[in-house]
């Protein structure tokens, strides 16, 4: 119950001015990705019997393009976040 309460609190914090454990951009892009995938799979299931091999190849190409875009977007965001963090000027060794 404690974990569910924490999850709900963090989701509410996403859309408030408070800091949240989750990223608003990632949540929204993840939801958009799931909706797009659901639409693509539904289309494929309903149209599979009438599709030519070129249609299936085009469908697969779009799937790979979307997946590649999402991976590229996430990696770019990670790189930008790592560039935004100030360098560690401490003389202490890193804590593992």
Protein backbone atom coordinates (compact mmCIF):
# COMPACT_ATOMS: atom_id res chain seq x y z
CA UNK A 1 0.00 0.00 0.00
CA UNK A 2 2.89 2.31 0.80
CA UNK A 3 4.37 1.83 -2.71
CA UNK A 4 1.03 2.55 -4.38
CA UNK A 5 0.65 5.76 -2.38
CA UNK A 6 4.20 6.81 -3.35
CA UNK A 7 3.50 6.06 -7.03
CA UNK A 8 0.30 8.12 -7.04
CA UNK A 9 2.05 10.98 -5.24
CA UNK A 10 4.89 10.99 -7.80
CA UNK A 11 2.44 10.93 -10.72
CA UNK A 12 0.58 13.89 -9.21
CA UNK A 13 3.92 15.68 -8.74
CA UNK A 14 4.67 15.34 -12.47
CA UNK A 15 1.93 17.85 -13.27
CA UNK A 16 2.58 20.16 -10.33
CA UNK A 17 5.45 22.51 -9.56
CA UNK A 18 7.01 19.95 -7.20
CA UNK A 19 9.97 17.77 -8.13
CA UNK A 20 9.04 14.27 -9.22
CA UNK A 21 10.91 10.99 -9.49
CA UNK A 22 9.49 10.59 -13.01
CA UNK A 23 10.10 12.72 -16.10
CA UNK A 24 7.01 14.33 -17.64
CA UNK A 25 8.52 14.17 -21.14
CA UNK A 26 9.37 10.48 -20.84
CA UNK A 27 5.95 9.56 -19.47
CA UNK A 28 4.15 11.44 -22.25
CA UNK A 29 6.42 10.12 -25.01
CA UNK A 30 6.04 6.59 -23.61
CA UNK A 31 2.25 6.88 -23.66
CA UNK A 32 2.37 8.21 -27.23
CA UNK A 33 4.65 5.33 -28.25
CA UNK A 34 2.32 2.72 -26.72
CA UNK A 35 -0.70 4.26 -28.46
CA UNK A 36 1.15 4.30 -31.80
CA UNK A 37 2.25 0.69 -31.36
CA UNK A 38 -1.27 -0.39 -30.46
CA UNK A 39 -2.58 1.28 -33.61
CA UNK A 40 0.09 -0.28 -35.82
CA UNK A 41 -0.47 -3.78 -34.41
CA UNK A 42 -4.26 -3.47 -34.67
CA UNK A 43 -3.92 -2.35 -38.29
CA UNK A 44 -1.57 -5.26 -39.01
CA UNK A 45 -3.90 -7.84 -37.43
CA UNK A 46 -6.94 -6.61 -39.36
CA UNK A 47 -5.20 -6.11 -42.72
CA UNK A 48 -2.71 -9.00 -42.66
CA UNK A 49 -4.75 -11.30 -44.92
CA UNK A 50 -4.96 -8.62 -47.66
CA UNK A 51 -1.37 -7.34 -47.41
CA UNK A 52 1.29 -7.89 -50.05
CA UNK A 53 4.90 -8.58 -49.13
CA UNK A 54 5.79 -4.96 -49.98
CA UNK A 55 3.11 -3.75 -47.54
CA UNK A 56 4.55 -5.95 -44.79
CA UNK A 57 8.07 -4.69 -45.56
CA UNK A 58 6.84 -1.09 -45.39
CA UNK A 59 5.06 -1.80 -42.10
CA UNK A 60 8.22 -3.37 -40.64
CA UNK A 61 10.30 -0.40 -41.87
CA UNK A 62 8.00 2.02 -40.10
CA UNK A 63 8.22 -0.05 -36.92
CA UNK A 64 12.04 0.00 -37.04
CA UNK A 65 12.07 3.73 -37.81
CA UNK A 66 9.87 4.49 -34.79
CA UNK A 67 11.98 2.27 -32.52
CA UNK A 68 15.19 3.87 -33.82
CA UNK A 69 13.79 7.34 -33.26
CA UNK A 70 12.81 6.51 -29.68
CA UNK A 71 16.26 5.08 -28.90
CA UNK A 72 17.95 8.09 -30.49
CA UNK A 73 15.73 10.49 -28.56
CA UNK A 74 16.43 8.78 -25.23
CA UNK A 75 20.21 8.68 -25.85
CA UNK A 76 20.22 12.36 -26.86
CA UNK A 77 18.31 13.27 -23.71
CA UNK A 78 20.75 11.28 -21.56
CA UNK A 79 23.71 13.01 -23.21
CA UNK A 80 22.18 16.45 -22.65
CA UNK A 81 21.53 15.63 -19.00
CA UNK A 82 25.10 14.45 -18.47
CA UNK A 83 26.41 17.67 -20.05
CA UNK A 84 24.22 19.75 -17.73
CA UNK A 85 25.67 18.25 -14.54
CA UNK A 86 28.56 20.26 -13.13
CA UNK A 87 31.94 18.55 -12.98
CA UNK A 88 32.92 17.00 -9.67
CA UNK A 89 35.71 19.22 -8.27
CA UNK A 90 36.04 17.17 -5.12
CA UNK A 91 39.40 15.62 -4.29
CA UNK A 92 37.66 12.72 -2.54
CA UNK A 93 37.56 9.42 -4.40
CA UNK A 94 34.16 8.45 -5.85
CA UNK A 95 31.87 6.44 -3.61
CA UNK A 96 30.79 3.13 -5.15
